[in-house]
Protein backbone atom coordinates (compact mmCIF):
# COMPACT_ATOMS: atom_id res chain seq x y z
CA MET A 1 -76.93 55.33 41.94
CA VAL A 2 -75.03 54.11 38.92
CA SER A 3 -76.24 50.94 37.22
CA VAL A 4 -73.70 48.73 35.55
CA VAL A 5 -74.78 46.47 32.70
CA ILE A 6 -72.47 43.73 31.45
CA LEU A 7 -73.12 42.58 27.93
CA LEU A 8 -71.89 39.21 26.73
CA LEU A 9 -71.38 39.71 23.04
CA PRO A 10 -70.93 36.84 20.54
CA GLY A 11 -67.34 35.74 20.55
CA ALA A 12 -66.58 37.34 23.88
CA ALA A 13 -64.26 35.33 26.10
CA VAL A 14 -66.06 33.53 28.92
CA PRO A 15 -64.01 31.80 31.65
CA ALA A 16 -64.29 28.02 31.35
CA ARG A 17 -66.20 26.30 34.13
CA ARG A 18 -63.86 24.34 36.38
CA SER A 19 -64.71 20.67 36.66
CA LEU A 20 -65.58 19.76 40.24
CA CYS A 21 -63.86 16.41 39.64
CA LEU A 22 -60.58 18.28 40.18
CA ALA A 23 -61.49 18.91 43.80
CA CYS A 24 -60.55 15.26 44.46
CA HIS A 25 -58.59 14.14 41.40
CA GLU A 26 -55.47 15.47 39.70
CA SER A 27 -55.83 16.78 36.17
CA HIS A 28 -54.47 14.64 33.34
CA TYR A 29 -54.86 14.72 29.55
CA ALA A 30 -56.33 18.21 29.94
CA GLU A 31 -55.82 18.86 26.23
CA ARG A 32 -58.48 16.25 25.46
CA GLY A 33 -61.26 18.24 27.09
CA SER A 34 -63.22 17.84 30.29
CA CYS A 35 -63.24 14.86 32.64
CA VAL A 36 -66.63 13.67 31.40
CA ASP A 37 -65.39 13.47 27.79
CA CYS A 38 -63.45 10.35 28.77
CA HIS A 39 -64.94 9.15 32.02
CA ARG A 40 -68.58 10.23 31.78
CA GLY A 41 -70.05 10.80 35.23
CA ASN A 42 -71.17 14.29 36.29
CA ASP A 43 -68.54 17.00 36.90
CA ARG A 44 -71.05 19.63 38.02
CA THR A 45 -71.54 18.28 41.52
CA ASP A 46 -69.33 17.46 44.48
CA ARG A 47 -71.72 14.77 45.71
CA LYS A 48 -69.79 11.58 45.06
CA GLU A 49 -72.79 9.29 44.46
CA ILE A 50 -74.03 11.63 41.72
CA ALA A 51 -70.63 12.57 40.30
CA HIS A 52 -69.71 8.90 39.87
CA HIS A 53 -72.98 7.77 38.28
CA ASP A 54 -72.18 5.83 35.06
CA LEU A 55 -68.50 6.61 35.63
CA ILE A 56 -65.97 4.85 33.41
CA ALA A 57 -62.88 3.93 35.40
CA GLY A 58 -59.53 4.88 33.94
CA ARG A 59 -58.59 1.38 32.80
CA PHE A 60 -61.78 1.16 30.75
CA ALA A 61 -61.44 4.68 29.30
CA GLN A 62 -58.22 4.02 27.39
CA PHE A 63 -60.20 3.62 24.17
CA THR A 64 -60.83 7.40 24.19
CA ILE A 65 -57.11 8.10 23.62
CA LYS A 66 -56.14 7.59 20.01
CA GLY A 67 -53.31 5.18 19.42
CA ARG A 68 -53.48 3.34 22.73
CA PRO A 69 -52.48 -0.29 21.99
CA VAL A 70 -55.06 -1.78 24.38
CA VAL A 71 -57.87 -1.43 21.82
CA GLU A 72 -55.94 -3.30 19.15
CA GLN A 73 -55.05 -5.99 21.69
CA GLY A 74 -58.75 -6.44 22.41
CA ARG A 75 -59.62 -6.64 18.72
CA LYS A 76 -56.98 -9.33 18.22
CA LEU A 77 -58.50 -11.36 21.05
CA VAL A 78 -61.92 -11.09 19.38
CA GLU A 79 -60.41 -12.54 16.20
CA VAL A 80 -58.25 -15.24 17.81
CA LEU A 81 -61.05 -16.51 20.04
CA ALA A 82 -63.74 -16.22 17.36
CA CYS A 83 -66.14 -14.13 19.45
CA ARG A 84 -68.14 -13.44 16.27
CA ARG A 85 -69.38 -17.04 16.21
CA CYS A 86 -72.00 -15.79 18.71
CA HIS A 87 -71.67 -11.98 18.80
CA ALA A 88 -71.80 -9.26 16.18
CA PHE A 89 -68.75 -7.01 16.53
CA GLU A 90 -67.99 -3.97 14.38
CA GLY A 91 -70.77 -4.91 11.97
CA LYS A 92 -69.86 -8.57 11.44
CA GLY A 93 -70.84 -11.74 13.25
CA ASN A 94 -73.67 -14.07 14.19
CA ARG A 95 -76.66 -12.91 16.23
CA LEU A 96 -76.78 -15.81 18.66
CA ALA A 97 -75.86 -13.60 21.63
CA ALA A 98 -75.63 -9.86 22.43
CA ASP A 99 -74.64 -7.40 19.71
CA LEU A 100 -71.45 -5.93 21.16
CA ALA A 101 -71.92 -2.62 19.32
CA ARG A 102 -75.08 -1.98 21.32
CA LEU A 103 -73.89 -3.47 24.59
CA ALA A 104 -72.38 -0.21 25.85
CA THR A 105 -75.71 1.62 25.63
CA ASN A 106 -77.13 -0.22 28.64
CA THR A 107 -74.21 -2.06 30.23
CA ALA A 108 -71.56 -0.49 32.43
CA PRO A 109 -67.92 -1.34 31.62
CA ARG A 110 -67.48 -2.98 35.01
CA ASP A 111 -70.48 -5.22 34.30
CA MET A 112 -68.93 -6.20 30.95
CA PHE A 113 -65.72 -7.06 32.78
CA ASP A 114 -67.57 -9.22 35.32
CA SER A 115 -69.62 -11.05 32.67
CA ILE A 116 -66.43 -12.02 30.79
CA LYS A 117 -64.54 -13.00 33.93
CA SER A 118 -67.45 -15.15 35.17
CA PRO A 119 -69.20 -16.21 31.94
CA VAL A 120 -72.91 -16.78 31.82
CA LEU A 121 -74.32 -20.19 30.92
CA PHE A 122 -73.33 -21.38 27.39
CA MET A 123 -70.60 -18.74 27.06
CA PRO A 124 -67.17 -20.43 26.91
CA ASP A 125 -64.79 -19.73 29.78
CA PHE A 126 -61.62 -18.57 28.02
CA GLN A 127 -59.69 -18.23 31.31
CA PHE A 128 -58.76 -14.62 30.58
CA ASP A 129 -56.57 -12.68 32.97
CA ASP A 130 -57.67 -9.21 34.05
CA THR A 131 -55.40 -7.46 31.52
CA GLN A 132 -56.98 -9.35 28.63
CA ILE A 133 -60.50 -8.59 29.86
CA VAL A 134 -59.68 -4.88 30.14
CA ALA A 135 -58.45 -4.99 26.52
CA LEU A 136 -61.68 -6.67 25.40
CA VAL A 137 -63.86 -4.12 27.20
CA ASN A 138 -61.92 -1.25 25.62
CA ALA A 139 -62.32 -2.83 22.18
CA ILE A 140 -66.08 -3.21 22.74
CA LEU A 141 -66.40 0.41 23.86
CA ALA A 142 -64.33 1.61 20.91
CA GLY A 143 -66.70 -0.19 18.53
CA ALA A 144 -69.89 0.97 20.26
CA GLU A 145 -72.50 2.73 18.17
CA PRO A 146 -72.37 6.51 18.69
CA ALA A 147 -74.97 8.12 20.92
CA GLY A 148 -78.03 9.13 18.96
CA ALA A 149 -77.31 6.77 16.07
CA LYS A 150 -80.42 5.64 14.25
CA VAL A 151 -80.73 1.92 14.81
CA GLY A 152 -83.46 -0.31 13.45
CA GLU A 153 -85.46 -2.36 15.87
CA THR A 154 -83.84 -5.67 16.76
CA ALA A 155 -86.07 -8.70 17.17
CA GLN A 156 -85.58 -10.48 20.46
CA VAL A 157 -85.87 -14.28 20.48
CA ILE A 158 -86.98 -15.88 23.73
CA HIS A 159 -86.69 -19.64 24.25
CA PHE A 160 -88.89 -21.38 26.78
CA GLU A 161 -87.76 -24.62 28.33
CA ASN A 162 -89.32 -27.69 26.80
CA GLU A 163 -88.41 -30.89 28.61
CA LYS A 164 -89.68 -33.14 25.83
CA GLN A 165 -87.69 -31.22 23.24
CA GLY A 166 -84.56 -31.54 25.39
CA ARG A 167 -84.97 -35.28 25.77
CA GLU A 168 -85.60 -35.86 22.08
CA ASN A 169 -83.06 -33.44 20.58
CA SER A 170 -80.18 -35.34 18.99
CA PHE A 171 -77.62 -32.71 19.99
CA VAL A 172 -78.62 -33.01 23.65
CA LYS A 173 -78.61 -36.82 23.56
CA ARG A 174 -75.53 -37.48 21.44
CA CYS A 175 -73.36 -34.36 21.69
CA GLY A 176 -74.54 -32.57 24.84
CA PRO A 177 -72.56 -34.62 27.38
CA CYS A 178 -69.32 -33.18 25.92
CA HIS A 179 -70.38 -30.01 24.04
CA LYS A 180 -72.52 -26.90 24.34
CA SER A 181 -74.09 -24.80 21.60
CA LEU A 182 -76.30 -21.76 21.17
CA SER A 183 -78.90 -22.37 18.48
CA GLU A 184 -81.43 -20.10 16.83
CA ARG A 185 -84.31 -22.53 17.11
CA PHE A 186 -83.70 -24.09 20.52
CA GLY A 187 -81.53 -21.66 22.49
CA GLY A 188 -78.69 -23.10 24.56
CA LEU A 189 -78.19 -26.85 24.42
CA GLY A 190 -75.80 -29.31 26.02
CA ASN A 191 -73.95 -29.20 29.31
CA GLY A 192 -70.46 -30.50 28.52
CA ASP A 193 -67.15 -28.66 28.68
CA ILE A 194 -64.91 -31.47 27.45
CA GLY A 195 -65.30 -30.64 23.77
CA PRO A 196 -65.33 -27.26 22.01
CA ASN A 197 -68.37 -25.00 22.00
CA LEU A 198 -70.17 -25.60 18.68
CA SER A 199 -72.10 -22.32 18.44
CA GLY A 200 -72.09 -21.06 14.85
CA VAL A 201 -70.02 -24.03 13.68
CA PHE A 202 -71.11 -23.71 10.03
CA SER A 203 -70.65 -19.95 9.83
CA GLU A 204 -67.62 -18.12 8.49
CA PHE A 205 -66.81 -16.95 12.02
CA TYR A 206 -66.16 -20.35 13.56
CA PRO A 207 -62.45 -21.25 14.09
CA ARG A 208 -60.88 -23.20 11.23
CA THR A 209 -60.21 -26.26 13.36
CA TYR A 210 -60.87 -28.81 10.63
CA PRO A 211 -57.64 -30.24 9.09
CA ASP A 212 -55.83 -27.93 6.67
CA ALA A 213 -57.76 -24.96 8.14
CA GLU A 214 -60.84 -25.87 6.12
CA PRO A 215 -64.24 -24.57 7.31
CA TRP A 216 -66.67 -26.96 8.92
CA THR A 217 -69.47 -28.14 6.66
CA PRO A 218 -72.21 -30.72 7.26
CA ASP A 219 -70.35 -33.26 5.13
CA ARG A 220 -67.10 -32.74 7.05
CA LEU A 221 -68.93 -32.95 10.35
CA ARG A 222 -70.59 -36.19 9.22
CA LYS A 223 -67.18 -37.70 8.42
CA TRP A 224 -65.79 -36.45 11.71
CA VAL A 225 -68.46 -37.95 13.99
CA GLU A 226 -68.33 -41.19 12.01
CA ASN A 227 -64.64 -41.68 12.75
CA PRO A 228 -62.66 -38.74 14.20
CA ARG A 229 -59.31 -40.52 14.03
CA ARG A 230 -59.69 -41.05 10.31
CA ILE A 231 -59.61 -37.24 10.02
CA ARG A 232 -57.08 -36.52 12.79
CA ALA A 233 -54.90 -39.34 14.02
CA ASN A 234 -54.63 -38.12 17.61
CA ALA A 235 -58.31 -37.17 18.03
CA ARG A 236 -59.66 -38.02 21.50
CA MET A 237 -63.31 -38.11 20.47
CA MET A 238 -64.92 -41.51 20.08
CA PRO A 239 -66.97 -42.36 16.95
CA VAL A 240 -70.67 -41.50 17.25
CA ARG A 241 -73.17 -43.62 15.35
CA LEU A 242 -76.13 -41.51 14.20
CA THR A 243 -79.23 -42.55 12.36
CA ALA A 244 -80.22 -40.52 9.31
CA ASP A 245 -82.96 -38.79 11.30
CA GLU A 246 -80.59 -37.95 14.15
CA PHE A 247 -78.05 -36.46 11.76
CA GLU A 248 -80.70 -34.39 9.99
CA GLN A 249 -81.96 -33.02 13.29
CA LEU A 250 -78.39 -32.31 14.38
CA MET A 251 -77.82 -30.26 11.22
CA GLU A 252 -81.00 -28.27 11.83
CA THR A 253 -80.02 -27.65 15.44
CA LEU A 254 -76.52 -26.42 14.58
CA ARG A 255 -77.73 -23.95 11.99
CA SER A 256 -76.95 -20.30 12.70
CA ASN A 257 -78.03 -17.23 10.79
CA THR A 258 -75.72 -17.95 7.85
CA GLU A 259 -78.54 -17.01 5.47
CA ALA A 260 -77.79 -13.39 6.40
CA TYR A 261 -74.47 -13.68 4.57
CA PRO A 262 -75.17 -14.25 0.87
CA GLN A 263 -71.44 -14.29 0.11
CA LEU A 264 -71.12 -17.69 1.77
CA PRO A 265 -70.77 -20.78 -0.43
CA ALA A 266 -74.01 -22.55 -1.11
CA ASP A 267 -72.91 -25.57 0.91
CA ARG A 268 -72.91 -23.40 4.07
CA LYS A 269 -76.16 -21.48 3.68
CA SER A 270 -78.62 -24.20 4.56
CA PRO A 271 -76.88 -27.16 6.21
CA ALA A 272 -80.05 -29.13 6.84
CA THR A 273 -80.96 -29.31 3.16
CA ARG A 274 -77.56 -29.92 1.58
CA ASP A 275 -76.97 -32.94 -0.63
CA SER A 276 -74.59 -34.33 1.96
CA GLY A 277 -77.53 -34.83 4.30
CA ASN A 278 -79.42 -36.73 1.62
CA GLU A 279 -76.31 -38.73 0.79
CA TYR A 280 -75.96 -39.60 4.44
CA SER A 281 -79.56 -40.81 4.51
CA LYS A 282 -78.95 -43.07 1.53
CA THR A 283 -75.64 -44.56 2.62
CA LYS A 284 -75.97 -44.63 6.40
CA GLY A 285 -79.68 -44.95 6.94
CA SER A 286 -79.51 -48.59 7.91
CA ARG A 287 -77.26 -47.94 10.88
CA GLY A 288 -78.70 -47.90 14.33
CA SER A 289 -77.90 -45.49 17.11
């Protein structure tokens, strides 16, 4: 009997393993590598329920192909719609809601799509069409932190419902019928959709909707609520008369984590303690609600 020994020496050519995905699907972009490089899943089994686990559908996998315009379209939507007023994206933004760079580690692309299409409570409904949502998901996946990246522990803030706090909060009483806002201290407040969402209003990431594209500051907000049409002639909002205490509490409620951005002007780092608040107390303190 003759024994045959086959030695696999370093550098010896070994036939590439054929992806079992190709038993059902046609090959495309083969030069980019295996199916799982773009779509994840498991290409070592022909059992569909296992092969498709954590699968990224083709429309959500466009971010893996360099130069595809869909990612840039998604990034532009993030900028235009000021998503950073609540979310951190590509290293910048407020931490009032999920950090989008870490979202992909435990959220499937389809779940991201669904959460944008049917927004959760306190997230604005931007009325996106499916094409826009696909672009946003691709942009989020493109900016996701790489697997294995060392990430410091993130503190999680949990807000418990406090009926007394809700009844006494000046935002809830005076602004909540028309506006909503995510706040660091009190969580989500308000139940109105008539006016704009005020989350992160004093941060650099809030849309420049004040006249002449100026950022919102406590002093500008004070002038606005006092008489909106004095600031913008066609404003639909009615004047809101606030006591000094109500205005001070409103400023504290609307604060976001602007202290994390030392480059911001001093008048936007601590809205509740600015001179404008004190000035308001001196000049408007005699007014009733």
